Amino acid sequence: MERGEIYLTAPNLPDPRRRRAFVVVSRPELIASRYSSVLCVPLYTSYVGTPTEVALDEHSGLKRLSYARCDELTSVPRTRLTQFVGSVPAVKLRELGRAMAVALDIQASDLSD
């Protein structure tokens, strides 16, 4: 498992979808650890229009255009990430990083001493 990979999983209730795709966004050190969960962003085929959505398509291994909703960042047990779908290209992974910073209201000035 690596940062930027997309997996299908059975969702938590009350999600109406039988299966949901998630992008793994945890840092590599956490993924390489024995920790049982990783941070993920869920994908949806509907577009809401928030600045925290990132469009992903067949270049990521998806069958249709989908949107990563970074406002819904969540921890997912590794055991639930069962079917590998594809990997997000580097340029889109950077977009996801910026969208997550917006979702968490992290400013560049927050990262400096």
Protein backbone atom coordinates (compact mmCIF):
# COMPACT_ATOMS: atom_id res chain seq x y z
CA MET A 1 0.00 0.00 0.00
CA GLU A 2 1.29 3.48 -0.91
CA ARG A 3 0.20 7.10 -0.67
CA GLY A 4 -1.98 7.98 -3.66
CA GLU A 5 -3.31 4.50 -4.29
CA ILE A 6 -7.05 4.02 -4.76
CA TYR A 7 -8.89 1.08 -3.21
CA LEU A 8 -12.48 -0.09 -3.08
CA THR A 9 -13.96 -0.98 0.27
CA ALA A 10 -17.28 -1.82 1.81
CA PRO A 11 -18.40 1.50 3.35
CA ASN A 12 -19.45 2.26 6.87
CA LEU A 13 -23.18 2.72 7.38
CA PRO A 14 -25.14 4.86 6.62
CA ASP A 15 -23.37 5.27 3.22
CA PRO A 16 -25.94 4.31 0.57
CA ARG A 17 -23.25 2.84 -1.72
CA ARG A 18 -22.46 -0.83 -1.51
CA ARG A 19 -18.76 -0.10 -2.10
CA ARG A 20 -16.82 3.15 -1.98
CA ALA A 21 -13.46 4.09 -3.50
CA PHE A 22 -10.90 5.82 -1.27
CA VAL A 23 -7.53 7.46 -1.97
CA VAL A 24 -4.85 6.66 0.63
CA VAL A 25 -3.30 9.97 1.78
CA SER A 26 -1.35 8.96 4.91
CA ARG A 27 2.33 9.81 5.02
CA PRO A 28 4.65 6.96 3.95
CA GLU A 29 5.98 6.45 7.50
CA LEU A 30 2.49 5.67 8.79
CA ILE A 31 1.75 3.37 5.86
CA ALA A 32 5.00 1.47 6.52
CA SER A 33 4.20 1.13 10.23
CA ARG A 34 2.15 -1.52 11.99
CA TYR A 35 -0.68 0.96 12.59
CA SER A 36 -3.96 -0.70 11.61
CA SER A 37 -5.59 2.28 9.86
CA VAL A 38 -4.60 4.83 7.21
CA LEU A 39 -5.99 8.26 6.35
CA CYS A 40 -8.12 8.25 3.21
CA VAL A 41 -10.27 10.58 1.13
CA PRO A 42 -13.53 9.14 -0.28
CA LEU A 43 -14.43 9.43 -3.98
CA TYR A 44 -17.85 10.38 -5.34
CA THR A 45 -19.16 10.59 -8.90
CA SER A 46 -21.21 13.71 -8.14
CA TYR A 47 -19.60 17.15 -8.08
CA VAL A 48 -20.55 19.51 -5.25
CA GLY A 49 -18.35 22.47 -6.23
CA THR A 50 -16.26 23.04 -3.11
CA PRO A 51 -12.58 24.06 -3.29
CA THR A 52 -11.76 20.86 -1.43
CA GLU A 53 -12.79 18.54 -4.27
CA VAL A 54 -10.23 17.12 -6.69
CA ALA A 55 -11.32 15.57 -9.99
CA LEU A 56 -9.84 12.14 -10.81
CA ASP A 57 -10.36 10.14 -14.00
CA GLU A 58 -9.11 7.18 -16.01
CA HIS A 59 -5.50 8.36 -15.49
CA SER A 60 -5.99 7.21 -11.89
CA GLY A 61 -7.44 3.84 -12.90
CA LEU A 62 -11.07 4.89 -12.49
CA LYS A 63 -13.80 3.89 -14.94
CA ARG A 64 -15.51 7.29 -14.72
CA LEU A 65 -14.86 10.81 -13.56
CA SER A 66 -14.92 11.01 -9.77
CA TYR A 67 -14.23 13.63 -7.13
CA ALA A 68 -12.09 13.23 -4.03
CA ARG A 69 -13.84 15.15 -1.24
CA CYS A 70 -11.08 16.25 1.11
CA ASP A 71 -13.59 17.66 3.61
CA GLU A 72 -14.43 14.01 4.36
CA LEU A 73 -10.89 12.93 5.30
CA THR A 74 -11.27 9.75 7.36
CA SER A 75 -9.34 6.92 8.96
CA VAL A 76 -9.98 3.53 7.33
CA PRO A 77 -8.81 0.17 8.68
CA ARG A 78 -6.34 -1.40 6.24
CA THR A 79 -8.34 -4.63 6.30
CA ARG A 80 -11.27 -2.82 4.65
CA LEU A 81 -9.18 -1.58 1.70
CA THR A 82 -9.57 -4.74 -0.30
CA GLN A 83 -9.51 -4.08 -4.06
CA PHE A 84 -6.74 -2.01 -5.67
CA VAL A 85 -8.11 0.29 -8.39
CA GLY A 86 -5.18 2.47 -9.45
CA SER A 87 -2.82 5.26 -8.47
CA VAL A 88 -3.27 9.04 -8.50
CA PRO A 89 -0.74 10.82 -10.77
CA ALA A 90 1.82 13.04 -8.97
CA VAL A 91 0.20 16.28 -10.16
CA LYS A 92 -3.17 15.20 -8.77
CA LEU A 93 -1.56 14.06 -5.51
CA ARG A 94 -0.21 17.60 -5.08
CA GLU A 95 -3.75 18.94 -5.75
CA LEU A 96 -5.06 16.60 -3.06
CA GLY A 97 -2.46 17.97 -0.64
CA ARG A 98 -3.54 21.54 -1.32
CA ALA A 99 -7.23 20.61 -1.04
CA MET A 100 -6.61 18.88 2.30
CA ALA A 101 -4.79 22.00 3.55
CA VAL A 102 -7.87 24.05 2.59
CA ALA A 103 -10.19 21.52 4.26
CA LEU A 104 -8.16 21.70 7.47
CA ASP A 105 -7.63 25.48 7.21
CA ILE A 106 -3.85 25.10 7.22
CA GLN A 107 -2.04 28.22 5.98
CA ALA A 108 1.60 28.32 4.84
CA SER A 109 2.30 30.62 7.80
CA ASP A 110 1.03 27.88 10.14
CA LEU A 111 3.92 25.67 9.01
CA SER A 112 6.77 28.08 9.67
CA ASP A 113 8.42 28.87 13.01
